[in-house]
Amino acid sequence: MKYLLLAALGSAALAGCETGTFCTEEFRSVGFTWTTPPLPASVVTVNARTGDTLSVLDQGYEDFFAVVDDGNMKDLSDEGDSLNVTVLDSLGSVRATAWFVVGKDPCHIVYRSGTQFLP
């Protein structure tokens, strides 16, 4: 009887627990590699669903340019948003355009589709 009562209390305690979400400490970004010189002066990302221009915390590295990163989690839907990316030179002229689809999970942004290389 004592074990049955202990098992019932344990089951009741477990039923009240929420499952936790465990995230890694990595910082994810989605972007492209620029393949021809000169390097772009700026990259502008607009969320087609909201019309908002997104700013990224990740400024890229060498010839990699981020279009969205984990700092934009609040700006993205779980299912994925279409992002219109415009690459500009130092005079403000358009060098390239591309579309990315990026969503999110409870921890990070999630790449769905888009080009890896531009132009």
Protein backbone atom coordinates (compact mmCIF):
# COMPACT_ATOMS: atom_id res chain seq x y z
CA MET A 1 0.00 0.00 0.00
CA LYS A 2 2.85 2.35 0.89
CA TYR A 3 4.40 1.86 -2.58
CA LEU A 4 1.08 2.40 -4.33
CA LEU A 5 0.59 5.71 -2.52
CA LEU A 6 4.17 6.76 -3.37
CA ALA A 7 3.62 5.86 -7.04
CA ALA A 8 0.36 7.82 -7.16
CA LEU A 9 2.01 10.91 -5.64
CA GLY A 10 4.94 10.64 -8.04
CA SER A 11 2.61 10.38 -11.04
CA ALA A 12 0.63 13.39 -9.88
CA ALA A 13 3.80 15.42 -9.43
CA LEU A 14 5.09 14.51 -12.90
CA ALA A 15 1.76 15.34 -14.53
CA GLY A 16 2.03 18.93 -13.29
CA CYS A 17 5.50 19.53 -14.77
CA GLU A 18 5.94 21.44 -18.00
CA THR A 19 8.42 20.12 -20.48
CA GLY A 20 11.32 22.55 -20.70
CA THR A 21 12.97 23.81 -23.83
CA PHE A 22 16.72 23.46 -23.86
CA CYS A 23 18.57 25.71 -26.29
CA THR A 24 22.19 25.82 -27.37
CA GLU A 25 24.18 29.00 -26.78
CA GLU A 26 25.13 29.36 -30.44
CA PHE A 27 24.13 32.50 -32.36
CA ARG A 28 22.73 31.64 -35.78
CA SER A 29 22.65 33.75 -38.89
CA VAL A 30 21.44 33.17 -42.44
CA GLY A 31 23.12 34.88 -45.34
CA PHE A 32 25.11 34.54 -48.52
CA THR A 33 28.69 34.55 -49.74
CA TRP A 34 29.57 37.37 -52.14
CA THR A 35 31.56 35.91 -55.04
CA THR A 36 32.87 38.88 -57.06
CA PRO A 37 34.73 42.05 -56.09
CA PRO A 38 34.12 44.66 -54.91
CA LEU A 39 32.29 43.71 -51.73
CA PRO A 40 28.83 45.21 -51.16
CA ALA A 41 28.57 48.39 -49.13
CA SER A 42 25.27 47.36 -47.53
CA VAL A 43 22.62 44.67 -47.46
CA VAL A 44 18.97 45.60 -46.85
CA THR A 45 16.50 42.91 -45.72
CA VAL A 46 12.74 43.55 -45.80
CA ASN A 47 10.21 41.12 -44.35
CA ALA A 48 7.50 40.79 -47.05
CA ARG A 49 4.84 39.83 -44.49
CA THR A 50 5.27 42.92 -42.29
CA GLY A 51 7.05 45.39 -44.57
CA ASP A 52 9.64 45.95 -41.83
CA THR A 53 13.31 46.44 -42.61
CA LEU A 54 15.36 44.05 -40.48
CA SER A 55 18.68 44.96 -38.94
CA VAL A 56 21.16 42.21 -38.13
CA LEU A 57 23.53 41.98 -35.20
CA ASP A 58 25.91 39.75 -37.17
CA GLN A 59 27.92 41.99 -39.49
CA GLY A 60 29.31 39.04 -41.41
CA TYR A 61 32.84 37.89 -41.93
CA GLU A 62 35.07 38.51 -44.95
CA ASP A 63 32.79 37.73 -47.94
CA PHE A 64 29.82 36.35 -45.92
CA PHE A 65 26.89 38.73 -45.39
CA ALA A 66 24.08 37.97 -42.97
CA VAL A 67 20.53 38.83 -43.99
CA VAL A 68 18.88 37.75 -40.71
CA ASP A 69 20.13 36.39 -37.38
CA ASP A 70 18.90 35.25 -33.97
CA GLY A 71 18.47 38.89 -33.00
CA ASN A 72 15.48 38.95 -35.39
CA MET A 73 13.52 36.13 -33.69
CA LYS A 74 10.71 38.50 -32.67
CA ASP A 75 10.36 39.66 -36.30
CA LEU A 76 9.81 36.19 -37.79
CA SER A 77 6.90 33.75 -37.81
CA ASP A 78 7.33 30.10 -36.85
CA GLU A 79 6.27 28.95 -40.32
CA GLY A 80 8.74 31.18 -42.13
CA ASP A 81 8.67 34.61 -43.71
CA SER A 82 9.76 35.67 -47.18
CA LEU A 83 12.64 38.11 -46.92
CA ASN A 84 13.48 40.42 -49.84
CA VAL A 85 17.22 41.10 -49.83
CA THR A 86 18.79 43.98 -51.76
CA VAL A 87 22.56 44.31 -52.08
CA LEU A 88 23.86 47.86 -52.62
CA ASP A 89 27.22 49.30 -53.64
CA SER A 90 28.83 52.38 -52.09
CA LEU A 91 26.84 54.69 -54.42
CA GLY A 92 23.51 53.11 -53.43
CA SER A 93 23.08 51.25 -56.72
CA VAL A 94 21.53 47.80 -56.63
CA ARG A 95 24.13 45.08 -57.24
CA ALA A 96 21.85 42.08 -56.63
CA THR A 97 18.51 41.00 -55.19
CA ALA A 98 17.44 37.67 -53.69
CA TRP A 99 14.64 36.05 -51.70
CA PHE A 100 15.12 34.01 -48.53
CA VAL A 101 12.53 32.16 -46.46
CA VAL A 102 13.43 32.00 -42.77
CA GLY A 103 11.34 30.88 -39.81
CA LYS A 104 12.09 30.17 -36.18
CA ASP A 105 11.81 27.51 -33.51
CA PRO A 106 11.76 28.22 -29.76
CA CYS A 107 15.53 28.76 -29.73
CA HIS A 108 16.87 29.96 -33.08
CA ILE A 109 16.05 31.14 -36.57
CA VAL A 110 15.53 28.32 -39.09
CA TYR A 111 16.70 28.56 -42.72
CA ARG A 112 14.04 27.30 -45.14
CA SER A 113 15.27 28.44 -48.58
CA GLY A 114 17.41 31.00 -50.35
CA THR A 115 20.63 31.33 -52.28
CA GLN A 116 24.03 30.64 -50.76
CA PHE A 117 26.01 32.69 -53.27
CA LEU A 118 25.55 36.11 -54.90
CA PRO A 119 25.81 37.55 -57.49
